[in-house]
Amino acid sequence: MPKFYLKLYIGILIALIGIVIIATINREYAFSWKKITILGMIASFNKGISGGGYGPVVVGGQLVSGVNEKNV
């Protein structure tokens, strides 16, 4: 995969995670195994494609999936 597209993918992914976190900052969510499973698939795909960037994907997803901020 060309470096340009890899950097574009990572940039878009991180920007989307930031937007989702900001949009849902004052909301409470119930814990959901379904959301955590989807998060795991997205994070593992990201890890396989780029070899890094696993942390921001997981942190953002856990916040939206209902995991307490201190536990994230």
PDB file of N, CA and C in Angstrom:
ATOM      1  N   MET A   1       0.845  -1.166   0.000  1.00  0.00           N
ATOM      2  CA  MET A   1       0.000   0.000   0.000  1.00  0.00           C
ATOM      3  C   MET A   1       0.900   1.241   0.000  1.00  0.00           C
ATOM      4  N   PRO A   2       0.663   2.205  -0.873  1.00  0.00           N
ATOM      5  CA  PRO A   2       1.485   3.420  -0.906  1.00  0.00           C
ATOM      6  C   PRO A   2       1.377   4.215   0.397  1.00  0.00           C
ATOM      7  N   LYS A   3       2.471   4.843   0.774  1.00  0.00           N
ATOM      8  CA  LYS A   3       2.519   5.601   2.024  1.00  0.00           C
ATOM      9  C   LYS A   3       1.473   6.707   2.063  1.00  0.00           C
ATOM     10  N   PHE A   4       1.208   7.335   0.927  1.00  0.00           N
ATOM     11  CA  PHE A   4       0.232   8.422   0.896  1.00  0.00           C
ATOM     12  C   PHE A   4      -1.134   7.949   1.371  1.00  0.00           C
ATOM     13  N   TYR A   5      -1.597   6.814   0.857  1.00  0.00           N
ATOM     14  CA  TYR A   5      -2.912   6.300   1.221  1.00  0.00           C
ATOM     15  C   TYR A   5      -2.949   5.808   2.667  1.00  0.00           C
ATOM     16  N   LEU A   6      -1.843   5.254   3.125  1.00  0.00           N
ATOM     17  CA  LEU A   6      -1.759   4.807   4.511  1.00  0.00           C
ATOM     18  C   LEU A   6      -1.858   6.003   5.456  1.00  0.00           C
ATOM     19  N   LYS A   7      -1.120   7.064   5.168  1.00  0.00           N
ATOM     20  CA  LYS A   7      -1.193   8.270   6.001  1.00  0.00           C
ATOM     21  C   LYS A   7      -2.572   8.911   5.921  1.00  0.00           C
ATOM     22  N   LEU A   8      -3.180   8.908   4.761  1.00  0.00           N
ATOM     23  CA  LEU A   8      -4.524   9.452   4.598  1.00  0.00           C
ATOM     24  C   LEU A   8      -5.530   8.646   5.423  1.00  0.00           C
ATOM     25  N   TYR A   9      -5.438   7.329   5.372  1.00  0.00           N
ATOM     26  CA  TYR A   9      -6.325   6.454   6.141  1.00  0.00           C
ATOM     27  C   TYR A   9      -6.192   6.720   7.634  1.00  0.00           C
ATOM     28  N   ILE A  10      -4.960   6.771   8.130  1.00  0.00           N
ATOM     29  CA  ILE A  10      -4.731   6.998   9.556  1.00  0.00           C
ATOM     30  C   ILE A  10      -5.230   8.381   9.966  1.00  0.00           C
ATOM     31  N   GLY A  11      -4.975   9.387   9.154  1.00  0.00           N
ATOM     32  CA  GLY A  11      -5.435  10.740   9.464  1.00  0.00           C
ATOM     33  C   GLY A  11      -6.947  10.835   9.530  1.00  0.00           C
ATOM     34  N   ILE A  12      -7.622  10.225   8.585  1.00  0.00           N
ATOM     35  CA  ILE A  12      -9.091  10.245   8.577  1.00  0.00           C
ATOM     36  C   ILE A  12      -9.639   9.482   9.775  1.00  0.00           C
ATOM     37  N   LEU A  13      -9.059   8.335  10.083  1.00  0.00           N
ATOM     38  CA  LEU A  13      -9.517   7.529  11.207  1.00  0.00           C
ATOM     39  C   LEU A  13      -9.375   8.280  12.523  1.00  0.00           C
ATOM     40  N   ILE A  14      -8.237   8.891  12.760  1.00  0.00           N
ATOM     41  CA  ILE A  14      -8.006   9.628  14.000  1.00  0.00           C
ATOM     42  C   ILE A  14      -8.921  10.852  14.074  1.00  0.00           C
ATOM     43  N   ALA A  15      -9.123  11.541  12.953  1.00  0.00           N
ATOM     44  CA  ALA A  15     -10.025  12.700  12.938  1.00  0.00           C
ATOM     45  C   ALA A  15     -11.460  12.270  13.260  1.00  0.00           C
ATOM     46  N   LEU A  16     -11.907  11.151  12.694  1.00  0.00           N
ATOM     47  CA  LEU A  16     -13.255  10.659  12.983  1.00  0.00           C
ATOM     48  C   LEU A  16     -13.414  10.268  14.451  1.00  0.00           C
ATOM     49  N   ILE A  17     -12.412   9.648  15.016  1.00  0.00           N
ATOM     50  CA  ILE A  17     -12.471   9.280  16.427  1.00  0.00           C
ATOM     51  C   ILE A  17     -12.562  10.532  17.295  1.00  0.00           C
ATOM     52  N   GLY A  18     -11.777  11.547  16.959  1.00  0.00           N
ATOM     53  CA  GLY A  18     -11.835  12.805  17.701  1.00  0.00           C
ATOM     54  C   GLY A  18     -13.201  13.461  17.613  1.00  0.00           C
ATOM     55  N   ILE A  19     -13.793  13.457  16.433  1.00  0.00           N
ATOM     56  CA  ILE A  19     -15.124  14.038  16.250  1.00  0.00           C
ATOM     57  C   ILE A  19     -16.164  13.273  17.062  1.00  0.00           C
ATOM     58  N   VAL A  20     -16.088  11.960  17.057  1.00  0.00           N
ATOM     59  CA  VAL A  20     -17.042  11.143  17.820  1.00  0.00           C
ATOM     60  C   VAL A  20     -16.889  11.405  19.318  1.00  0.00           C
ATOM     61  N   ILE A  21     -15.673  11.502  19.808  1.00  0.00           N
ATOM     62  CA  ILE A  21     -15.448  11.760  21.231  1.00  0.00           C
ATOM     63  C   ILE A  21     -16.003  13.125  21.613  1.00  0.00           C
ATOM     64  N   ILE A  22     -15.736  14.139  20.809  1.00  0.00           N
ATOM     65  CA  ILE A  22     -16.238  15.481  21.104  1.00  0.00           C
ATOM     66  C   ILE A  22     -17.763  15.524  21.036  1.00  0.00           C
ATOM     67  N   ALA A  23     -18.349  14.840  20.073  1.00  0.00           N
ATOM     68  CA  ALA A  23     -19.806  14.851  19.915  1.00  0.00           C
ATOM     69  C   ALA A  23     -20.522  14.103  21.039  1.00  0.00           C
ATOM     70  N   THR A  24     -19.849  13.165  21.680  1.00  0.00           N
ATOM     71  CA  THR A  24     -20.496  12.349  22.708  1.00  0.00           C
ATOM     72  C   THR A  24     -19.911  12.579  24.091  1.00  0.00           C
ATOM     73  N   ILE A  25     -19.292  13.714  24.317  1.00  0.00           N
ATOM     74  CA  ILE A  25     -18.540  13.948  25.551  1.00  0.00           C
ATOM     75  C   ILE A  25     -19.403  13.965  26.812  1.00  0.00           C
ATOM     76  N   ASN A  26     -20.616  14.428  26.756  1.00  0.00           N
ATOM     77  CA  ASN A  26     -21.453  14.526  27.952  1.00  0.00           C
ATOM     78  C   ASN A  26     -22.560  13.486  28.006  1.00  0.00           C
ATOM     79  N   ARG A  27     -22.410  12.423  27.283  1.00  0.00           N
ATOM     80  CA  ARG A  27     -23.427  11.375  27.252  1.00  0.00           C
ATOM     81  C   ARG A  27     -22.951  10.148  28.021  1.00  0.00           C
ATOM     82  N   GLU A  28     -23.889   9.440  28.580  1.00  0.00           N
ATOM     83  CA  GLU A  28     -23.606   8.190  29.280  1.00  0.00           C
ATOM     84  C   GLU A  28     -24.074   7.032  28.405  1.00  0.00           C
ATOM     85  N   TYR A  29     -23.273   6.020  28.295  1.00  0.00           N
ATOM     86  CA  TYR A  29     -23.615   4.848  27.506  1.00  0.00           C
ATOM     87  C   TYR A  29     -23.536   3.602  28.373  1.00  0.00           C
ATOM     88  N   ALA A  30     -24.422   2.684  28.122  1.00  0.00           N
ATOM     89  CA  ALA A  30     -24.367   1.392  28.800  1.00  0.00           C
ATOM     90  C   ALA A  30     -23.295   0.543  28.116  1.00  0.00           C
ATOM     91  N   PHE A  31     -22.614  -0.278  28.895  1.00  0.00           N
ATOM     92  CA  PHE A  31     -21.581  -1.138  28.340  1.00  0.00           C
ATOM     93  C   PHE A  31     -22.202  -2.111  27.353  1.00  0.00           C
ATOM     94  N   SER A  32     -21.521  -2.330  26.236  1.00  0.00           N
ATOM     95  CA  SER A  32     -22.041  -3.210  25.203  1.00  0.00           C
ATOM     96  C   SER A  32     -20.923  -4.083  24.648  1.00  0.00           C
ATOM     97  N   TRP A  33     -21.100  -5.399  24.735  1.00  0.00           N
ATOM     98  CA  TRP A  33     -20.118  -6.317  24.167  1.00  0.00           C
ATOM     99  C   TRP A  33     -20.079  -6.206  22.651  1.00  0.00           C
ATOM    100  N   LYS A  34     -21.222  -5.906  22.045  1.00  0.00           N
ATOM    101  CA  LYS A  34     -21.285  -5.761  20.594  1.00  0.00           C
ATOM    102  C   LYS A  34     -20.383  -4.613  20.139  1.00  0.00           C
ATOM    103  N   LYS A  35     -20.464  -3.479  20.834  1.00  0.00           N
ATOM    104  CA  LYS A  35     -19.623  -2.330  20.474  1.00  0.00           C
ATOM    105  C   LYS A  35     -18.143  -2.638  20.691  1.00  0.00           C
ATOM    106  N   ILE A  36     -17.829  -3.336  21.779  1.00  0.00           N
ATOM    107  CA  ILE A  36     -16.434  -3.687  22.054  1.00  0.00           C
ATOM    108  C   ILE A  36     -15.908  -4.647  20.987  1.00  0.00           C
ATOM    109  N   THR A  37     -16.736  -5.571  20.522  1.00  0.00           N
ATOM    110  CA  THR A  37     -16.324  -6.510  19.475  1.00  0.00           C
ATOM    111  C   THR A  37     -16.038  -5.774  18.166  1.00  0.00           C
ATOM    112  N   ILE A  38     -16.925  -4.856  17.793  1.00  0.00           N
ATOM    113  CA  ILE A  38     -16.712  -4.060  16.581  1.00  0.00           C
ATOM    114  C   ILE A  38     -15.454  -3.214  16.723  1.00  0.00           C
ATOM    115  N   LEU A  39     -15.268  -2.634  17.894  1.00  0.00           N
ATOM    116  CA  LEU A  39     -14.057  -1.853  18.169  1.00  0.00           C
ATOM    117  C   LEU A  39     -12.809  -2.711  18.010  1.00  0.00           C
ATOM    118  N   GLY A  40     -12.837  -3.920  18.516  1.00  0.00           N
ATOM    119  CA  GLY A  40     -11.696  -4.821  18.395  1.00  0.00           C
ATOM    120  C   GLY A  40     -11.372  -5.158  16.953  1.00  0.00           C
ATOM    121  N   MET A  41     -12.396  -5.342  16.142  1.00  0.00           N
ATOM    122  CA  MET A  41     -12.165  -5.647  14.723  1.00  0.00           C
ATOM    123  C   MET A  41     -11.560  -4.440  13.996  1.00  0.00           C
ATOM    124  N   ILE A  42     -12.072  -3.250  14.279  1.00  0.00           N
ATOM    125  CA  ILE A  42     -11.525  -2.045  13.654  1.00  0.00           C
ATOM    126  C   ILE A  42     -10.081  -1.823  14.098  1.00  0.00           C
ATOM    127  N   ALA A  43      -9.827  -1.979  15.398  1.00  0.00           N
ATOM    128  CA  ALA A  43      -8.478  -1.774  15.919  1.00  0.00           C
ATOM    129  C   ALA A  43      -7.497  -2.799  15.366  1.00  0.00           C
ATOM    130  N   SER A  44      -7.915  -4.053  15.253  1.00  0.00           N
ATOM    131  CA  SER A  44      -7.000  -5.069  14.727  1.00  0.00           C
ATOM    132  C   SER A  44      -6.750  -4.867  13.233  1.00  0.00           C
ATOM    133  N   PHE A  45      -7.767  -4.411  12.495  1.00  0.00           N
ATOM    134  CA  PHE A  45      -7.563  -4.084  11.083  1.00  0.00           C
ATOM    135  C   PHE A  45      -6.556  -2.944  10.956  1.00  0.00           C
ATOM    136  N   ASN A  46      -6.717  -1.915  11.787  1.00  0.00           N
ATOM    137  CA  ASN A  46      -5.793  -0.788  11.776  1.00  0.00           C
ATOM    138  C   ASN A  46      -4.377  -1.244  12.120  1.00  0.00           C
ATOM    139  N   LYS A  47      -4.238  -2.103  13.094  1.00  0.00           N
ATOM    140  CA  LYS A  47      -2.928  -2.619  13.489  1.00  0.00           C
ATOM    141  C   LYS A  47      -2.315  -3.431  12.353  1.00  0.00           C
ATOM    142  N   GLY A  48      -3.118  -4.222  11.670  1.00  0.00           N
ATOM    143  CA  GLY A  48      -2.609  -5.035  10.558  1.00  0.00           C
ATOM    144  C   GLY A  48      -2.190  -4.198   9.367  1.00  0.00           C
ATOM    145  N   ILE A  49      -2.930  -3.148   9.067  1.00  0.00           N
ATOM    146  CA  ILE A  49      -2.621  -2.292   7.923  1.00  0.00           C
ATOM    147  C   ILE A  49      -1.398  -1.429   8.181  1.00  0.00           C
ATOM    148  N   SER A  50      -1.380  -0.761   9.340  1.00  0.00           N
ATOM    149  CA  SER A  50      -0.346   0.246   9.574  1.00  0.00           C
ATOM    150  C   SER A  50       0.751  -0.204  10.526  1.00  0.00           C
ATOM    151  N   GLY A  51       0.514  -1.231  11.310  1.00  0.00           N
ATOM    152  CA  GLY A  51       1.510  -1.672  12.272  1.00  0.00           C
ATOM    153  C   GLY A  51       1.534  -0.823  13.528  1.00  0.00           C
ATOM    154  N   GLY A  52       0.636   0.119  13.659  1.00  0.00           N
ATOM    155  CA  GLY A  52       0.589   0.992  14.838  1.00  0.00           C
ATOM    156  C   GLY A  52      -0.720   1.730  14.905  1.00  0.00           C
ATOM    157  N   GLY A  53      -0.798   2.674  15.818  1.00  0.00           N
ATOM    158  CA  GLY A  53      -2.005   3.468  15.936  1.00  0.00           C
ATOM    159  C   GLY A  53      -3.139   2.757  16.630  1.00  0.00           C
ATOM    160  N   TYR A  54      -2.810   1.723  17.387  1.00  0.00           N
ATOM    161  CA  TYR A  54      -3.821   0.918  18.060  1.00  0.00           C
ATOM    162  C   TYR A  54      -4.437   1.674  19.226  1.00  0.00           C
ATOM    163  N   GLY A  55      -3.642   2.442  19.958  1.00  0.00           N
ATOM    164  CA  GLY A  55      -4.083   3.137  21.165  1.00  0.00           C
ATOM    165  C   GLY A  55      -5.223   4.114  20.961  1.00  0.00           C
ATOM    166  N   PRO A  56      -5.098   5.080  20.058  1.00  0.00           N
ATOM    167  CA  PRO A  56      -6.182   6.050  19.887  1.00  0.00           C
ATOM    168  C   PRO A  56      -7.501   5.413  19.454  1.00  0.00           C
ATOM    169  N   VAL A  57      -7.430   4.376  18.662  1.00  0.00           N
ATOM    170  CA  VAL A  57      -8.654   3.702  18.208  1.00  0.00           C
ATOM    171  C   VAL A  57      -9.350   3.049  19.391  1.00  0.00           C
ATOM    172  N   VAL A  58      -8.606   2.367  20.222  1.00  0.00           N
ATOM    173  CA  VAL A  58      -9.187   1.648  21.345  1.00  0.00           C
ATOM    174  C   VAL A  58      -9.708   2.614  22.404  1.00  0.00           C
ATOM    175  N   VAL A  59      -8.958   3.644  22.728  1.00  0.00           N
ATOM    176  CA  VAL A  59      -9.393   4.603  23.743  1.00  0.00           C
ATOM    177  C   VAL A  59     -10.692   5.287  23.321  1.00  0.00           C
ATOM    178  N   GLY A  60     -10.742   5.785  22.106  1.00  0.00           N
ATOM    179  CA  GLY A  60     -11.953   6.434  21.621  1.00  0.00           C
ATOM    180  C   GLY A  60     -13.141   5.496  21.589  1.00  0.00           C
ATOM    181  N   GLY A  61     -12.921   4.290  21.146  1.00  0.00           N
ATOM    182  CA  GLY A  61     -13.999   3.316  21.069  1.00  0.00           C
ATOM    183  C   GLY A  61     -14.505   2.881  22.429  1.00  0.00           C
ATOM    184  N   GLN A  62     -13.601   2.724  23.386  1.00  0.00           N
ATOM    185  CA  GLN A  62     -14.026   2.338  24.727  1.00  0.00           C
ATOM    186  C   GLN A  62     -14.863   3.433  25.376  1.00  0.00           C
ATOM    187  N   LEU A  63     -14.514   4.674  25.140  1.00  0.00           N
ATOM    188  CA  LEU A  63     -15.314   5.773  25.693  1.00  0.00           C
ATOM    189  C   LEU A  63     -16.733   5.742  25.155  1.00  0.00           C
ATOM    190  N   VAL A  64     -16.876   5.500  23.863  1.00  0.00           N
ATOM    191  CA  VAL A  64     -18.199   5.463  23.236  1.00  0.00           C
ATOM    192  C   VAL A  64     -18.932   4.158  23.571  1.00  0.00           C
ATOM    193  N   SER A  65     -18.196   3.114  23.935  1.00  0.00           N
ATOM    194  CA  SER A  65     -18.817   1.827  24.246  1.00  0.00           C
ATOM    195  C   SER A  65     -19.319   1.732  25.680  1.00  0.00           C
ATOM    196  N   GLY A  66     -19.083   2.759  26.483  1.00  0.00           N
ATOM    197  CA  GLY A  66     -19.610   2.761  27.838  1.00  0.00           C
ATOM    198  C   GLY A  66     -18.622   2.411  28.922  1.00  0.00           C
ATOM    199  N   VAL A  67     -17.344   2.333  28.608  1.00  0.00           N
ATOM    200  CA  VAL A  67     -16.329   2.049  29.623  1.00  0.00           C
ATOM    201  C   VAL A  67     -16.013   3.367  30.343  1.00  0.00           C
ATOM    202  N   ASN A  68     -15.881   3.302  31.652  1.00  0.00           N
ATOM    203  CA  ASN A  68     -15.589   4.480  32.468  1.00  0.00           C
ATOM    204  C   ASN A  68     -14.277   5.122  32.038  1.00  0.00           C
ATOM    205  N   GLU A  69     -14.231   6.460  32.054  1.00  0.00           N
ATOM    206  CA  GLU A  69     -13.041   7.190  31.590  1.00  0.00           C
ATOM    207  C   GLU A  69     -11.790   6.808  32.354  1.00  0.00           C
ATOM    208  N   LYS A  70     -11.905   6.586  33.658  1.00  0.00           N
ATOM    209  CA  LYS A  70     -10.740   6.230  34.477  1.00  0.00           C
ATOM    210  C   LYS A  70     -10.221   4.840  34.139  1.00  0.00           C
ATOM    211  N   ASN A  71     -11.111   3.963  33.708  1.00  0.00           N
ATOM    212  CA  ASN A  71     -10.705   2.603  33.354  1.00  0.00           C
ATOM    213  C   ASN A  71     -10.115   2.511  31.966  1.00  0.00           C
ATOM    214  N   VAL A  72     -10.462   3.468  31.109  1.00  0.00           N
ATOM    215  CA  VAL A  72      -9.942   3.463  29.746  1.00  0.00           C
ATOM    216  C   VAL A  72      -8.457   3.719  29.805  1.00  0.00           C
TER     217      VAL A  72
END
